[in-house]
Amino acid sequence: MPFLMELRPYQLKAVDQALPVLNQYGQVVLNAVCRSGKTLTSFYLADLYNAKKVLFITKKSALSSVVSDFMEVSRNVCYECTFINIESLHKVKGNFDLVIFDEYHNLGYIQKPLKKNRDFKRFQHLPIIGISATLFTETFSTAYSLFTREFSEYKNFYTWFKDYGIIQVKYIGPTQVNDYSDSRKDKIFERISKYIVSIDQEDAGFKTSVVDRVVNVSCPIIDSYIKKLKRDKILTLACGEYLADSVSQEFTAVCQLSSGTLKVDDDNAIRISDTKISRIFKDLYDRKIAIYYKYKAEKDLITNYYRYHGYMVTDDIKAFEVAPMKSVFVGQYRSKREGVKLDFINDIVFYSMPFSNLDYLQSKERILSVEKTQTCTCHVYLTGIEKEIYDTVVNHKSKFNTESYRRMKL
């Protein structure tokens, strides 16, 4: 029976490559760029595989979108599909003959399995179609958990790492611990490449990309607070005192201060400066934009500022799509980097710099689509130490964490 939605040539090519891999190894990973139709490709692949009962695992934020996509093709596939968000995987009942795992990189772990890995273990023997745009962004050390079939001779992560990893050291507070993020990429890829079918932007025919516009925002007030905290290890504020008696606490405070807020304790967060948000408003007042942030206090600052100026502010993507020009979508990196379609706008703003290359890449690519021809811009506004964070995350493709901050201070 013909597929209800017509697949593009690159999707058909990917299916032709993936089907024999799935048949031979019981696992295939569609490693395709964001917004290239990975989900639809996986639906078609499952149909050609002659699956009868499919379990589709995704994130909660993407669930409604994925179900909607399936409803468009459901009359022309020969299988039943059960959809579940990964947080509720332990609730799944029934028998399945195929698993489709959306954002498959989320199953990766280093050292010890997480709850989601333990919940997934009972389905691990089934044939698996993994879907990801960012399979390995910062480390190949997650390969052990993503390709357990291939590395079944190893008892656990640590025995595997002896052959495929390079142990480094890092500090958590004053304590030195082993760092398992450095691995032998070429050696790992020799074994796992047979499972991976890739689609890049050129394959998919993207006509545009997202270009960074980096804006360094000068804010003497923020700089003075950061300087005082580093010197005195304490900030006395109207709502209380913030004590930075460890590198970790200092790191957390400096990152928050860099964007104009500080969570003093569980009950109090203070706004230090509107300098950055006022600059964003001035630069982009005539555009419909999405703003990504890290901390809740940043969301409150953004929301209050724009509402004061008469804008609608929402974190509901459907409401934002039909909203007038004077509207802003606000999304936290971790919860809105996946399963969100923002291809109807051309500008995305990073109010604060994310700590990981994964958050950076996936969030900015929300505004892309294959059909799009307009220039897309990611406006990155940097204050405080965010220039160093940007350099680490974007140029070195690494995470910025307490250890990064410690090295920066030396």
Protein backbone atom coordinates (compact mmCIF):
# COMPACT_ATOMS: atom_id res chain seq x y z
CA MET A 1 0.00 0.00 0.00
CA PRO A 2 1.50 3.42 -0.92
CA PHE A 3 2.55 5.72 1.89
CA LEU A 4 0.00 8.50 2.43
CA MET A 5 2.66 11.21 2.70
CA GLU A 6 5.21 11.36 -0.09
CA LEU A 7 8.77 10.88 1.09
CA ARG A 8 11.57 12.96 -0.33
CA PRO A 9 14.34 11.22 -2.30
CA TYR A 10 16.87 11.51 0.55
CA GLN A 11 14.36 9.90 2.95
CA LEU A 12 13.75 7.00 0.56
CA LYS A 13 17.51 6.58 0.17
CA ALA A 14 17.93 6.50 3.95
CA VAL A 15 15.23 3.83 4.27
CA ASP A 16 16.88 1.75 1.53
CA GLN A 17 20.16 1.92 3.48
CA ALA A 18 18.60 1.36 6.90
CA LEU A 19 16.34 -1.63 6.21
CA PRO A 20 19.12 -4.20 5.54
CA VAL A 21 21.00 -2.91 8.61
CA LEU A 22 17.92 -3.40 10.78
CA ASN A 23 17.33 -6.86 9.33
CA GLN A 24 20.93 -7.97 9.84
CA TYR A 25 21.82 -6.41 13.20
CA GLY A 26 18.49 -5.73 14.88
CA GLN A 27 19.42 -2.08 15.32
CA VAL A 28 19.84 0.98 13.14
CA VAL A 29 20.31 4.64 14.01
CA LEU A 30 19.00 7.37 11.71
CA ASN A 31 21.54 10.10 12.44
CA ALA A 32 19.87 12.94 10.55
CA VAL A 33 19.95 16.71 10.91
CA CYS A 34 17.17 18.50 12.76
CA ARG A 35 14.01 19.22 10.79
CA SER A 36 14.79 16.68 8.04
CA GLY A 37 11.78 14.42 8.60
CA LYS A 38 13.42 11.72 10.71
CA THR A 39 10.14 10.73 12.37
CA LEU A 40 8.29 10.16 9.11
CA THR A 41 11.28 8.22 7.77
CA SER A 42 11.17 5.94 10.82
CA PHE A 43 7.42 5.32 10.35
CA TYR A 44 8.03 4.16 6.79
CA LEU A 45 11.04 2.05 7.79
CA ALA A 46 8.95 0.29 10.47
CA ASP A 47 6.30 -0.49 7.85
CA LEU A 48 8.82 -2.01 5.44
CA TYR A 49 10.26 -4.03 8.32
CA ASN A 50 6.80 -5.63 8.60
CA ALA A 51 6.42 -4.71 12.25
CA LYS A 52 2.99 -5.36 13.78
CA LYS A 53 3.22 -3.69 17.20
CA VAL A 54 5.59 -0.75 17.57
CA LEU A 55 6.59 1.11 20.73
CA PHE A 56 7.55 4.73 20.01
CA ILE A 57 9.54 6.43 22.81
CA THR A 58 10.02 10.18 22.83
CA LYS A 59 10.20 13.18 25.16
CA LYS A 60 7.06 14.57 26.75
CA SER A 61 7.46 17.89 24.93
CA ALA A 62 7.47 16.11 21.54
CA LEU A 63 4.70 13.59 22.20
CA SER A 64 1.74 15.49 20.75
CA SER A 65 3.69 16.44 17.61
CA VAL A 66 4.81 12.85 16.99
CA VAL A 67 1.30 11.46 17.49
CA SER A 68 -0.05 14.08 15.08
CA ASP A 69 2.54 13.04 12.47
CA PHE A 70 1.56 9.39 12.85
CA MET A 71 -2.15 10.12 12.46
CA GLU A 72 -1.41 11.51 9.00
CA VAL A 73 0.05 8.19 7.85
CA SER A 74 -1.73 5.68 10.11
CA ARG A 75 -4.23 4.54 7.47
CA ASN A 76 -1.39 3.39 5.25
CA VAL A 77 0.82 1.48 7.67
CA CYS A 78 0.33 -2.12 8.69
CA TYR A 79 1.16 -1.84 12.39
CA GLU A 80 -0.21 -0.52 15.65
CA CYS A 81 1.88 2.12 17.40
CA THR A 82 1.97 2.85 21.13
CA PHE A 83 3.44 6.23 22.07
CA ILE A 84 5.05 6.94 25.43
CA ASN A 85 7.28 9.65 26.85
CA ILE A 86 10.54 8.39 28.26
CA GLU A 87 9.68 9.55 31.78
CA SER A 88 6.68 7.16 31.80
CA LEU A 89 8.41 4.18 30.20
CA HIS A 90 7.98 2.10 33.35
CA LYS A 91 4.19 2.24 32.85
CA VAL A 92 4.19 0.55 29.44
CA LYS A 93 2.33 -2.76 29.18
CA GLY A 94 2.06 -5.16 26.27
CA ASN A 95 4.29 -6.96 23.82
CA PHE A 96 6.05 -5.31 20.90
CA ASP A 97 8.16 -6.45 17.97
CA LEU A 98 9.95 -3.13 17.27
CA VAL A 99 11.01 -0.03 19.20
CA ILE A 100 11.47 3.43 17.69
CA PHE A 101 13.47 5.59 20.09
CA ASP A 102 13.29 9.30 19.33
CA GLU A 103 16.24 11.47 20.43
CA TYR A 104 18.17 8.25 20.90
CA HIS A 105 21.23 10.05 22.29
CA ASN A 106 19.22 10.61 25.49
CA LEU A 107 19.71 6.92 26.28
CA GLY A 108 23.46 7.44 26.49
CA TYR A 109 25.20 7.44 29.85
CA ILE A 110 28.73 7.47 31.23
CA GLN A 111 29.74 5.21 34.13
CA LYS A 112 26.41 4.05 35.62
CA PRO A 113 22.95 3.48 34.07
CA LEU A 114 20.26 6.07 34.79
CA LYS A 115 16.62 5.36 35.64
CA LYS A 116 15.61 5.62 31.97
CA ASN A 117 18.23 2.97 31.08
CA ARG A 118 16.88 0.64 33.74
CA ASP A 119 13.32 1.22 32.52
CA PHE A 120 14.34 0.52 28.92
CA LYS A 121 16.25 -2.67 29.74
CA ARG A 122 13.18 -4.90 29.31
CA PHE A 123 12.84 -3.69 25.69
CA GLN A 124 16.54 -3.83 24.86
CA HIS A 125 16.31 -7.26 23.22
CA LEU A 126 13.86 -5.95 20.60
CA PRO A 127 14.83 -4.56 17.18
CA ILE A 128 15.49 -0.83 17.59
CA ILE A 129 15.29 2.16 15.27
CA GLY A 130 17.12 5.03 16.95
CA ILE A 131 16.54 8.61 15.78
CA SER A 132 18.97 11.42 16.55
CA ALA A 133 20.35 14.64 15.13
CA THR A 134 23.12 14.82 17.72
CA LEU A 135 24.25 11.27 18.38
CA PHE A 136 27.68 12.31 19.67
CA THR A 137 28.18 16.02 20.26
CA GLU A 138 30.58 16.16 23.19
CA THR A 139 31.83 12.62 23.84
CA PHE A 140 31.90 9.17 22.27
CA SER A 141 31.96 7.57 25.73
CA THR A 142 28.18 7.11 25.54
CA ALA A 143 28.67 4.60 22.71
CA TYR A 144 28.75 1.69 25.17
CA SER A 145 25.18 2.37 26.34
CA LEU A 146 23.83 3.23 22.87
CA PHE A 147 25.22 0.13 21.14
CA THR A 148 24.95 -2.59 23.78
CA ARG A 149 24.52 -5.29 21.13
CA GLU A 150 27.88 -4.47 19.60
CA PHE A 151 29.70 -4.34 22.93
CA SER A 152 27.96 -7.28 24.60
CA GLU A 153 31.29 -8.90 25.50
CA TYR A 154 31.86 -6.22 28.14
CA LYS A 155 30.39 -6.67 31.61
CA ASN A 156 29.91 -2.95 32.28
CA PHE A 157 30.99 0.53 31.26
CA TYR A 158 34.26 0.37 33.19
CA THR A 159 35.52 -2.81 31.51
CA TRP A 160 34.56 -1.33 28.13
CA PHE A 161 36.32 1.95 28.92
CA LYS A 162 39.61 0.16 29.59
CA ASP A 163 39.72 -0.68 25.87
CA TYR A 164 38.02 2.39 24.40
CA GLY A 165 38.63 5.27 26.80
CA ILE A 166 41.35 7.57 28.08
CA ILE A 167 40.98 8.34 31.78
CA GLN A 168 41.51 11.98 32.75
CA VAL A 169 41.01 13.68 36.11
CA LYS A 170 38.72 16.50 37.18
CA TYR A 171 37.71 18.17 40.43
CA ILE A 172 34.31 18.19 42.10
CA GLY A 173 34.78 20.76 44.82
CA PRO A 174 38.13 19.90 46.43
CA THR A 175 37.90 16.22 45.45
CA GLN A 176 39.80 14.77 42.50
CA VAL A 177 37.81 12.18 40.53
CA ASN A 178 38.23 10.26 37.29
CA ASP A 179 36.86 11.85 34.12
CA TYR A 180 35.53 9.32 31.59
CA SER A 181 34.51 11.71 28.81
CA ASP A 182 37.65 11.26 26.67
CA SER A 183 37.44 8.20 24.42
CA ARG A 184 39.06 6.68 21.34
CA LYS A 185 36.67 7.97 18.70
CA ASP A 186 38.20 6.22 15.69
CA LYS A 187 38.39 2.86 17.43
CA ILE A 188 34.77 3.14 18.60
CA PHE A 189 33.51 4.24 15.21
CA GLU A 190 35.14 1.25 13.53
CA ARG A 191 32.66 -0.95 15.40
CA ILE A 192 29.49 1.15 15.40
CA SER A 193 29.53 2.78 11.95
CA LYS A 194 27.70 -0.19 10.42
CA TYR A 195 24.61 0.69 12.51
CA ILE A 196 24.43 4.36 11.48
CA VAL A 197 22.65 5.87 8.47
CA SER A 198 23.37 9.59 8.21
CA ILE A 199 21.55 12.48 6.55
CA ASP A 200 23.30 15.86 6.56
CA GLN A 201 21.95 19.25 5.49
CA GLU A 202 23.33 18.85 1.98
CA ASP A 203 21.64 15.44 1.61
CA ALA A 204 18.34 16.90 2.79
CA GLY A 205 18.58 19.90 0.48
CA PHE A 206 18.50 22.63 3.10
CA LYS A 207 18.61 26.01 1.40
CA THR A 208 19.62 27.99 4.47
CA SER A 209 21.30 27.61 7.85
CA VAL A 210 21.29 29.40 11.18
CA VAL A 211 24.00 32.05 11.49
CA ASP A 212 25.17 33.27 14.89
CA ARG A 213 25.09 36.99 15.58
CA VAL A 214 27.15 37.44 18.73
CA VAL A 215 26.57 40.63 20.73
CA ASN A 216 28.84 41.48 23.66
CA VAL A 217 26.80 43.57 26.08
CA SER A 218 28.68 45.85 28.46
CA CYS A 219 27.16 46.01 31.93
CA PRO A 220 29.31 47.61 34.68
CA ILE A 221 26.76 46.72 37.39
CA ILE A 222 26.99 43.01 36.60
CA ASP A 223 30.78 43.19 36.38
CA SER A 224 30.97 44.89 39.79
CA TYR A 225 28.78 42.23 41.45
CA ILE A 226 30.89 39.43 39.95
CA LYS A 227 34.12 41.11 41.02
CA LYS A 228 32.84 41.59 44.58
CA LEU A 229 31.65 37.97 44.83
CA LYS A 230 35.00 36.61 43.64
CA ARG A 231 36.87 38.84 46.09
CA ASP A 232 34.72 38.55 49.21
CA LYS A 233 32.97 35.20 48.58
CA ILE A 234 29.74 36.81 49.78
CA LEU A 235 27.10 39.18 48.44
CA THR A 236 24.83 41.10 50.78
CA LEU A 237 21.55 41.93 49.05
CA ALA A 238 18.20 43.39 50.08
CA CYS A 239 16.60 39.93 50.24
CA GLY A 240 19.48 38.19 52.00
CA GLU A 241 23.06 37.03 51.66
CA TYR A 242 24.60 34.75 49.06
CA LEU A 243 27.60 32.85 50.40
CA ALA A 244 30.04 31.35 47.89
CA ASP A 245 32.19 29.19 50.14
CA SER A 246 33.06 26.72 47.36
CA VAL A 247 34.10 26.94 43.71
CA SER A 248 30.80 25.31 42.75
CA GLN A 249 28.71 27.94 44.55
CA GLU A 250 30.81 30.74 43.10
CA PHE A 251 30.47 29.26 39.60
CA THR A 252 26.68 29.03 39.91
CA ALA A 253 26.36 32.60 41.13
CA VAL A 254 28.70 34.08 38.51
CA CYS A 255 26.74 32.35 35.71
CA GLN A 256 23.44 33.71 37.04
CA LEU A 257 24.84 37.19 37.62
CA SER A 258 26.17 37.27 34.07
CA SER A 259 22.60 37.52 32.79
CA GLY A 260 21.34 39.89 35.46
CA THR A 261 19.72 37.65 38.09
CA LEU A 262 20.68 35.71 41.22
CA LYS A 263 18.79 33.07 43.18
CA VAL A 264 19.78 33.95 46.74
CA ASP A 265 17.96 31.04 48.39
CA ASP A 266 14.99 28.73 47.76
CA ASP A 267 12.51 31.55 48.29
CA ASN A 268 14.26 34.59 46.85
CA ALA A 269 15.67 35.53 43.46
CA ILE A 270 16.75 39.07 42.68
CA ARG A 271 16.97 41.02 39.44
CA ILE A 272 20.36 42.71 39.19
CA SER A 273 20.10 44.45 35.82
CA ASP A 274 17.79 44.92 32.81
CA THR A 275 20.69 45.92 30.57
CA LYS A 276 20.71 42.77 28.46
CA ILE A 277 16.96 42.39 27.99
CA SER A 278 16.58 46.08 27.12
CA ARG A 279 19.29 45.68 24.46
CA ILE A 280 17.49 42.66 23.01
CA PHE A 281 14.21 44.59 22.94
CA LYS A 282 15.86 47.56 21.24
CA ASP A 283 17.57 45.40 18.60
CA LEU A 284 14.62 43.14 17.74
CA TYR A 285 11.46 45.01 18.71
CA ASP A 286 10.00 44.71 15.20
CA ARG A 287 10.39 40.91 14.91
CA LYS A 288 8.54 37.88 16.21
CA ILE A 289 11.17 36.04 18.24
CA ALA A 290 11.81 33.06 20.49
CA ILE A 291 14.05 33.57 23.53
CA TYR A 292 15.86 30.68 25.20
CA TYR A 293 17.09 30.86 28.79
CA LYS A 294 18.70 28.72 31.54
CA TYR A 295 17.30 29.84 34.90
CA LYS A 296 13.71 30.46 36.03
CA ALA A 297 14.64 33.94 37.27
CA GLU A 298 15.70 34.77 33.70
CA LYS A 299 12.31 33.65 32.40
CA ASP A 300 10.59 35.91 34.93
CA LEU A 301 12.79 38.86 33.94
CA ILE A 302 12.13 38.33 30.20
CA THR A 303 8.39 37.82 30.71
CA ASN A 304 7.91 40.87 32.92
CA TYR A 305 9.91 43.14 30.64
CA TYR A 306 8.06 42.22 27.46
CA ARG A 307 4.62 42.22 29.06
CA TYR A 308 5.32 45.68 30.45
CA HIS A 309 5.85 46.79 26.84
CA GLY A 310 2.56 45.25 25.69
CA TYR A 311 3.79 41.95 24.25
CA MET A 312 2.18 38.55 24.58
CA VAL A 313 4.66 36.12 26.18
CA THR A 314 4.07 32.37 26.11
CA ASP A 315 5.81 29.00 26.35
CA ASP A 316 2.99 27.34 24.38
CA ILE A 317 4.22 26.78 20.84
CA LYS A 318 0.73 26.50 19.32
CA ALA A 319 -0.39 29.77 20.90
CA PHE A 320 2.81 31.45 19.71
CA GLU A 321 2.39 30.28 16.12
CA VAL A 322 -0.97 32.04 15.73
CA ALA A 323 -0.05 35.03 17.91
CA PRO A 324 0.40 38.55 16.47
CA MET A 325 3.78 40.08 15.67
CA LYS A 326 4.11 41.58 19.16
CA SER A 327 4.64 38.21 20.81
CA VAL A 328 7.56 36.28 22.31
CA PHE A 329 8.08 32.57 22.87
CA VAL A 330 10.17 31.72 25.95
CA GLY A 331 11.74 28.29 26.32
CA GLN A 332 14.24 26.68 28.64
CA TYR A 333 17.05 24.92 26.81
CA ARG A 334 16.59 21.48 28.36
CA SER A 335 12.80 21.30 28.00
CA LYS A 336 12.37 23.09 24.64
CA ARG A 337 15.46 22.06 22.66
CA GLU A 338 13.60 19.04 21.24
CA GLY A 339 10.10 18.48 19.92
CA VAL A 340 9.50 22.18 19.23
CA LYS A 341 8.91 23.57 15.72
CA LEU A 342 9.79 27.24 15.30
CA ASP A 343 10.32 27.25 11.53
CA PHE A 344 7.67 29.96 11.09
CA ILE A 345 10.06 32.59 12.53
CA ASN A 346 13.54 33.63 11.41
CA ASP A 347 15.11 34.87 14.64
CA ILE A 348 15.96 33.02 17.84
CA VAL A 349 17.62 34.66 20.85
CA PHE A 350 19.92 33.09 23.42
CA TYR A 351 19.39 35.26 26.47
CA SER A 352 21.98 33.29 28.42
CA MET A 353 24.56 30.90 27.02
CA PRO A 354 23.81 27.17 27.48
CA PHE A 355 26.47 24.99 29.08
CA SER A 356 26.48 22.21 26.48
CA ASN A 357 27.01 21.96 22.74
CA LEU A 358 23.94 19.72 22.56
CA ASP A 359 21.67 22.41 24.04
CA TYR A 360 23.26 25.01 21.77
CA LEU A 361 22.85 23.06 18.51
CA GLN A 362 19.40 21.61 19.07
CA SER A 363 17.87 24.84 20.35
CA LYS A 364 19.09 27.05 17.50
CA GLU A 365 18.00 24.56 14.84
CA ARG A 366 14.36 24.74 15.97
CA ILE A 367 13.86 27.52 13.38
CA LEU A 368 15.09 25.48 10.40
CA SER A 369 13.13 23.45 7.86
CA VAL A 370 13.93 21.91 4.49
CA GLU A 371 11.53 24.24 2.68
CA LYS A 372 12.83 27.42 4.27
CA THR A 373 14.75 29.92 2.13
CA GLN A 374 14.93 32.98 4.40
CA THR A 375 18.09 33.78 6.33
CA CYS A 376 17.90 32.51 9.92
CA THR A 377 19.75 34.16 12.79
CA CYS A 378 20.63 33.07 16.30
CA HIS A 379 21.22 36.23 18.33
CA VAL A 380 23.61 35.39 21.17
CA TYR A 381 23.88 38.09 23.84
CA LEU A 382 26.92 37.73 26.11
CA THR A 383 27.71 39.39 29.43
CA GLY A 384 29.97 38.52 32.36
CA ILE A 385 31.77 35.22 31.75
CA GLU A 386 29.49 34.16 28.90
CA LYS A 387 32.15 34.91 26.29
CA GLU A 388 34.24 32.12 27.85
CA ILE A 389 31.19 29.82 27.94
CA TYR A 390 30.49 30.51 24.26
CA ASP A 391 34.09 29.73 23.32
CA THR A 392 34.04 26.42 25.21
CA VAL A 393 30.62 25.27 23.99
CA VAL A 394 30.74 26.46 20.37
CA ASN A 395 34.39 26.55 19.35
CA HIS A 396 35.65 23.61 21.43
CA LYS A 397 32.35 21.65 21.45
CA SER A 398 32.73 20.88 25.15
CA LYS A 399 30.62 21.34 28.24
CA PHE A 400 31.25 24.34 30.45
CA ASN A 401 31.09 23.25 34.07
CA THR A 402 32.68 23.84 37.46
CA GLU A 403 35.96 22.35 36.26
CA SER A 404 35.96 24.69 33.23
CA TYR A 405 35.42 27.61 35.58
CA ARG A 406 38.20 26.43 37.87
CA ARG A 407 40.65 26.27 34.95
CA MET A 408 39.53 29.70 33.77
CA LYS A 409 40.43 31.18 37.16
CA LEU A 410 43.99 29.78 37.13
